[in-house]
């Protein structure tokens, strides 16, 4: 640990501080929690199997662009947007990476989450210690802002549209999950799949970029009926924004649990309670 020195009433040096509370706790649990999610997501995405059961589709694999019905618990060809994996794709695919449907789509939602203002805050603090907490010394460096390699963070306002598109797709998957072999019904998995895009909507629509989209560039909220309507939406979005951290974590944990549930049901480890009896 770097030697601490007093600077303007504070201490400088890596993790040096005059604070007496457990300032490190938030940085530790958020860093460990997200690392667990990242490890599980990577593992699940590389499996390429057990992501489909009956009419349940894991959100990690949605939408299914291509499928391989020979894999256990894979989506049927009729559910894939473009059918089977083409031979041309198999020919150029690196042999050391499993050809999984999830690999083709996860970059979309992850691009939104990884550039989110809240996630930037926590992984800068947890992983890069810049700084790890308020009034705590971080890694000695010259602050450059989000320039150079970090300039890609500016794509967040554009990845918002990708995130909104995925929410629509996941709601479609949830609706489909209430039907099996032409018979309407309901199961525990259906409810889980329906809650998933709802939580993602709370997180996405509470985003700063969405808040600006619905209420930005207005000089007056009461000058027209349109402005008044946008002001009403802006207020609701602001309420979500005030709990953005909560929705970020709840939605992230739930999407992981949703994939795990579908996987365990597909593998026969647990039984889904439903009205179809299978």
Protein backbone atom coordinates (compact mmCIF):
# COMPACT_ATOMS: atom_id res chain seq x y z
CA UNK A 1 0.00 0.00 0.00
CA UNK A 2 1.31 3.46 -0.89
CA UNK A 3 2.47 5.68 1.93
CA UNK A 4 -0.28 8.05 3.08
CA UNK A 5 0.22 11.79 3.11
CA UNK A 6 -2.13 14.56 4.21
CA UNK A 7 -3.45 16.71 1.38
CA UNK A 8 -5.97 19.44 2.20
CA UNK A 9 -7.26 17.60 5.26
CA UNK A 10 -7.44 14.25 3.41
CA UNK A 11 -4.97 11.43 2.96
CA UNK A 12 -3.58 10.53 -0.44
CA UNK A 13 -2.30 7.12 -1.41
CA UNK A 14 -3.90 3.88 -2.54
CA UNK A 15 -6.91 3.14 -0.28
CA UNK A 16 -5.73 5.79 2.20
CA UNK A 17 -8.49 7.63 4.03
CA UNK A 18 -9.52 9.22 7.30
CA UNK A 19 -12.93 7.54 7.11
CA UNK A 20 -13.78 5.19 9.99
CA UNK A 21 -16.73 3.40 8.37
CA UNK A 22 -16.61 0.27 6.19
CA UNK A 23 -16.13 2.30 3.01
CA UNK A 24 -14.81 -0.77 1.17
CA UNK A 25 -17.97 -2.84 1.62
CA UNK A 26 -20.00 -1.47 -1.30
CA UNK A 27 -17.09 -1.67 -3.72
CA UNK A 28 -16.40 -5.25 -2.61
CA UNK A 29 -19.92 -6.66 -2.83
CA UNK A 30 -20.74 -4.96 -6.12
CA UNK A 31 -17.46 -6.14 -7.64
CA UNK A 32 -17.90 -9.72 -6.44
CA UNK A 33 -21.60 -9.81 -7.34
CA UNK A 34 -21.06 -8.64 -10.89
CA UNK A 35 -18.10 -10.99 -11.32
CA UNK A 36 -20.31 -13.94 -10.37
CA UNK A 37 -22.92 -12.80 -12.90
CA UNK A 38 -20.27 -12.38 -15.63
CA UNK A 39 -18.83 -15.85 -14.99
CA UNK A 40 -22.25 -17.50 -15.04
CA UNK A 41 -23.37 -15.60 -18.15
CA UNK A 42 -20.21 -16.58 -20.03
CA UNK A 43 -20.57 -20.22 -18.99
CA UNK A 44 -24.27 -20.36 -19.88
CA UNK A 45 -23.74 -18.66 -23.25
CA UNK A 46 -21.04 -21.15 -24.23
CA UNK A 47 -23.16 -24.24 -23.51
CA UNK A 48 -25.43 -24.05 -26.53
CA UNK A 49 -27.88 -26.49 -24.94
CA UNK A 50 -30.70 -26.70 -22.39
CA UNK A 51 -31.98 -23.21 -23.12
CA UNK A 52 -35.42 -24.34 -24.33
CA UNK A 53 -38.19 -26.33 -22.68
CA UNK A 54 -41.71 -26.70 -24.05
CA UNK A 55 -42.35 -23.05 -24.88
CA UNK A 56 -39.81 -21.55 -22.46
CA UNK A 57 -36.79 -19.78 -23.96
CA UNK A 58 -33.85 -18.53 -21.90
CA UNK A 59 -33.38 -14.75 -22.26
CA UNK A 60 -29.66 -15.35 -22.84
CA UNK A 61 -30.57 -17.07 -26.12
CA UNK A 62 -33.28 -14.73 -27.32
CA UNK A 63 -33.77 -14.09 -30.15
CA UNK A 64 -32.62 -17.42 -31.60
CA UNK A 65 -31.07 -16.57 -34.96
CA UNK A 66 -29.83 -20.09 -35.71
CA UNK A 67 -30.30 -23.39 -33.92
CA UNK A 68 -28.88 -26.89 -33.81
CA UNK A 69 -31.72 -29.30 -32.93
CA UNK A 70 -29.19 -32.06 -32.27
CA UNK A 71 -28.14 -30.27 -29.08
CA UNK A 72 -30.03 -31.28 -25.94
CA UNK A 73 -32.66 -28.74 -24.93
CA UNK A 74 -32.14 -26.61 -28.04
CA UNK A 75 -34.85 -24.55 -29.69
CA UNK A 76 -36.67 -26.24 -32.59
CA UNK A 77 -35.87 -25.11 -36.11
CA UNK A 78 -39.29 -23.48 -36.46
CA UNK A 79 -38.49 -21.10 -33.60
CA UNK A 80 -35.18 -19.91 -35.07
CA UNK A 81 -35.34 -16.74 -37.16
CA UNK A 82 -33.02 -18.11 -39.87
CA UNK A 83 -33.33 -21.85 -39.27
CA UNK A 84 -30.30 -24.10 -38.86
CA UNK A 85 -26.72 -22.92 -38.53
CA UNK A 86 -25.48 -22.47 -42.12
CA UNK A 87 -22.45 -24.47 -43.23
CA UNK A 88 -20.75 -21.23 -44.29
CA UNK A 89 -20.87 -19.96 -40.69
CA UNK A 90 -19.60 -23.27 -39.33
CA UNK A 91 -16.69 -23.15 -41.78
CA UNK A 92 -15.38 -19.78 -40.53
CA UNK A 93 -16.23 -20.23 -36.85
CA UNK A 94 -13.14 -20.59 -34.57
CA UNK A 95 -12.84 -24.20 -33.45
CA UNK A 96 -11.93 -23.22 -29.87
CA UNK A 97 -15.25 -21.36 -29.37
CA UNK A 98 -18.46 -23.41 -29.12
CA UNK A 99 -21.00 -22.45 -31.78
CA UNK A 100 -23.76 -21.30 -29.45
CA UNK A 101 -26.82 -19.21 -30.42
CA UNK A 102 -26.23 -16.99 -27.39
CA UNK A 103 -22.85 -15.76 -28.60
CA UNK A 104 -24.50 -14.15 -31.61
CA UNK A 105 -26.85 -11.94 -29.59
CA UNK A 106 -25.49 -11.21 -26.09
CA UNK A 107 -23.33 -8.31 -27.26
CA UNK A 108 -26.54 -6.31 -27.83
CA UNK A 109 -27.94 -6.13 -24.28
CA UNK A 110 -24.46 -6.20 -22.73
CA UNK A 111 -23.43 -3.13 -24.73
CA UNK A 112 -26.23 -1.19 -23.03
CA UNK A 113 -25.57 -2.49 -19.53
CA UNK A 114 -21.79 -2.11 -19.66
CA UNK A 115 -21.98 1.53 -20.78
CA UNK A 116 -24.68 2.42 -18.23
CA UNK A 117 -23.77 5.35 -15.98
CA UNK A 118 -24.38 3.33 -12.83
CA UNK A 119 -22.28 0.38 -14.01
CA UNK A 120 -19.45 2.70 -14.98
CA UNK A 121 -19.46 4.11 -11.47
CA UNK A 122 -19.30 0.76 -9.76
CA UNK A 123 -16.74 -0.98 -11.96
CA UNK A 124 -14.45 2.06 -11.99
CA UNK A 125 -14.53 1.90 -8.20
CA UNK A 126 -14.54 -1.86 -7.69
CA UNK A 127 -12.09 -2.98 -10.37
CA UNK A 128 -9.96 0.06 -11.17
CA UNK A 129 -10.05 1.89 -7.79
CA UNK A 130 -10.51 5.31 -9.41
CA UNK A 131 -11.24 5.91 -6.55
CA UNK A 132 -12.75 2.99 -4.58
CA UNK A 133 -14.97 5.35 -2.53
CA UNK A 134 -15.48 9.03 -1.75
CA UNK A 135 -12.60 10.60 0.23
CA UNK A 136 -10.52 7.44 -0.29
CA UNK A 137 -7.26 7.50 -2.20
CA UNK A 138 -7.33 5.70 -5.53
CA UNK A 139 -4.74 4.61 -8.03
CA UNK A 140 -2.34 7.47 -8.71
CA UNK A 141 -3.08 8.66 -12.24
CA UNK A 142 -3.84 11.75 -14.22
CA UNK A 143 -7.57 12.02 -14.76
CA UNK A 144 -8.43 11.98 -18.45
CA UNK A 145 -12.15 11.47 -18.28
CA UNK A 146 -13.78 9.03 -20.68
CA UNK A 147 -11.39 9.68 -23.52
CA UNK A 148 -9.02 7.48 -25.53
CA UNK A 149 -10.19 3.85 -25.23
CA UNK A 150 -13.07 4.81 -22.89
CA UNK A 151 -14.62 7.10 -25.48
CA UNK A 152 -16.71 4.09 -26.54
CA UNK A 153 -18.84 4.75 -23.45
CA UNK A 154 -20.55 7.47 -25.49
CA UNK A 155 -22.43 4.80 -27.45
CA UNK A 156 -24.73 4.36 -24.45
CA UNK A 157 -27.39 6.70 -25.83
CA UNK A 158 -27.52 4.59 -29.00
CA UNK A 159 -27.48 1.19 -27.30
CA UNK A 160 -30.65 2.36 -25.53
CA UNK A 161 -32.58 1.52 -28.70
CA UNK A 162 -31.05 -1.97 -28.73
CA UNK A 163 -32.15 -2.48 -25.12
CA UNK A 164 -35.69 -1.32 -25.87
CA UNK A 165 -35.86 -3.70 -28.83
CA UNK A 166 -34.78 -6.61 -26.65
CA UNK A 167 -37.49 -5.80 -24.12
CA UNK A 168 -40.13 -6.10 -26.87
CA UNK A 169 -38.62 -9.43 -27.98
CA UNK A 170 -38.54 -10.79 -24.43
CA UNK A 171 -42.17 -9.79 -23.90
CA UNK A 172 -42.99 -11.72 -27.07
CA UNK A 173 -41.15 -14.75 -25.65
CA UNK A 174 -43.10 -14.37 -22.41
CA UNK A 175 -46.43 -14.31 -24.29
CA UNK A 176 -45.41 -17.38 -26.31
CA UNK A 177 -44.58 -19.19 -23.06
CA UNK A 178 -48.29 -19.20 -22.13
CA UNK A 179 -49.03 -21.50 -25.08
CA UNK A 180 -47.78 -25.03 -25.64
CA UNK A 181 -48.74 -27.22 -28.59
CA UNK A 182 -51.60 -24.84 -29.35
CA UNK A 183 -52.99 -25.03 -25.83
CA UNK A 184 -53.13 -21.95 -23.62
CA UNK A 185 -51.92 -22.39 -20.08
CA UNK A 186 -49.69 -21.05 -17.37
CA UNK A 187 -46.64 -22.32 -15.55
CA UNK A 188 -44.10 -21.08 -13.05
CA UNK A 189 -41.74 -20.55 -15.98
CA UNK A 190 -44.31 -18.39 -17.77
CA UNK A 191 -44.56 -16.07 -14.78
CA UNK A 192 -40.77 -15.91 -14.44
CA UNK A 193 -40.40 -15.09 -18.13
CA UNK A 194 -43.05 -12.36 -17.87
CA UNK A 195 -41.43 -10.72 -14.84
CA UNK A 196 -38.04 -10.66 -16.58
CA UNK A 197 -38.75 -8.04 -19.33
CA UNK A 198 -40.82 -6.03 -16.84
CA UNK A 199 -37.82 -5.62 -14.54
CA UNK A 200 -35.62 -4.90 -17.55
CA UNK A 201 -38.11 -2.22 -18.62
CA UNK A 202 -37.94 -0.59 -15.17
CA UNK A 203 -34.15 -0.56 -15.45
CA UNK A 204 -33.98 0.60 -19.06
CA UNK A 205 -36.72 3.23 -18.82
CA UNK A 206 -35.08 4.64 -15.70
CA UNK A 207 -31.88 5.21 -17.63
CA UNK A 208 -30.54 8.76 -17.94
CA UNK A 209 -30.52 8.42 -21.74
CA UNK A 210 -34.22 7.48 -21.80
CA UNK A 211 -35.01 10.31 -19.37
CA UNK A 212 -33.37 12.75 -21.78
CA UNK A 213 -35.17 11.16 -24.72
CA UNK A 214 -38.64 11.80 -23.25
CA UNK A 215 -38.01 15.15 -21.56
CA UNK A 216 -34.86 16.63 -23.01
CA UNK A 217 -34.55 19.61 -25.36
CA UNK A 218 -37.64 21.29 -23.90
CA UNK A 219 -37.41 24.85 -22.63
CA UNK A 220 -40.94 24.85 -21.27
CA UNK A 221 -42.97 21.95 -19.88
CA UNK A 222 -46.29 23.83 -19.88
CA UNK A 223 -46.25 25.66 -23.20
CA UNK A 224 -48.16 23.05 -25.18
CA UNK A 225 -50.19 19.88 -24.72
CA UNK A 226 -47.31 17.86 -26.16
CA UNK A 227 -44.88 19.39 -23.68
CA UNK A 228 -47.26 18.72 -20.81
CA UNK A 229 -47.57 15.08 -21.86
CA UNK A 230 -43.82 14.70 -22.10
CA UNK A 231 -43.48 16.31 -18.69
CA UNK A 232 -45.82 13.70 -17.20
CA UNK A 233 -43.77 10.89 -18.76
CA UNK A 234 -40.54 12.58 -17.65
CA UNK A 235 -41.77 12.62 -14.04
CA UNK A 236 -42.53 8.89 -14.11
CA UNK A 237 -39.16 8.15 -15.71
CA UNK A 238 -37.48 10.32 -13.06
CA UNK A 239 -39.10 8.17 -10.36
CA UNK A 240 -37.56 5.10 -11.95
CA UNK A 241 -34.26 6.95 -12.33
CA UNK A 242 -34.12 7.68 -8.60
CA UNK A 243 -33.96 3.89 -8.05
CA UNK A 244 -31.77 3.12 -11.04
CA UNK A 245 -29.21 1.18 -8.98
CA UNK A 246 -31.95 -1.01 -7.50
CA UNK A 247 -33.45 -1.86 -10.88
CA UNK A 248 -29.99 -2.45 -12.34
CA UNK A 249 -29.24 -5.15 -9.79
CA UNK A 250 -32.72 -6.68 -9.54
CA UNK A 251 -33.04 -6.98 -13.33
CA UNK A 252 -29.53 -8.39 -13.68
CA UNK A 253 -30.04 -11.03 -10.99
CA UNK A 254 -33.49 -11.96 -12.34
CA UNK A 255 -32.31 -12.46 -15.92
CA UNK A 256 -29.60 -14.82 -14.62
CA UNK A 257 -32.11 -16.73 -12.49
CA UNK A 258 -34.49 -16.94 -15.46
CA UNK A 259 -31.84 -18.64 -17.57
CA UNK A 260 -30.99 -20.94 -14.65
CA UNK A 261 -34.64 -21.89 -14.19
CA UNK A 262 -35.14 -22.77 -17.87
CA UNK A 263 -31.85 -24.69 -17.85
CA UNK A 264 -32.71 -26.76 -14.78
CA UNK A 265 -36.21 -27.54 -16.08
CA UNK A 266 -34.79 -28.53 -19.47
CA UNK A 267 -32.23 -30.80 -17.81
CA UNK A 268 -34.91 -32.43 -15.66
CA UNK A 269 -33.31 -31.30 -12.43
CA UNK A 270 -36.50 -29.54 -11.31
CA UNK A 271 -40.11 -29.90 -12.40
CA UNK A 272 -42.05 -26.92 -13.72
CA UNK A 273 -45.50 -26.61 -12.19
CA UNK A 274 -47.93 -25.83 -15.01
CA UNK A 275 -51.40 -26.51 -16.38
CA UNK A 276 -50.06 -28.57 -19.30
CA UNK A 277 -48.85 -31.35 -17.05
CA UNK A 278 -45.40 -31.62 -18.67
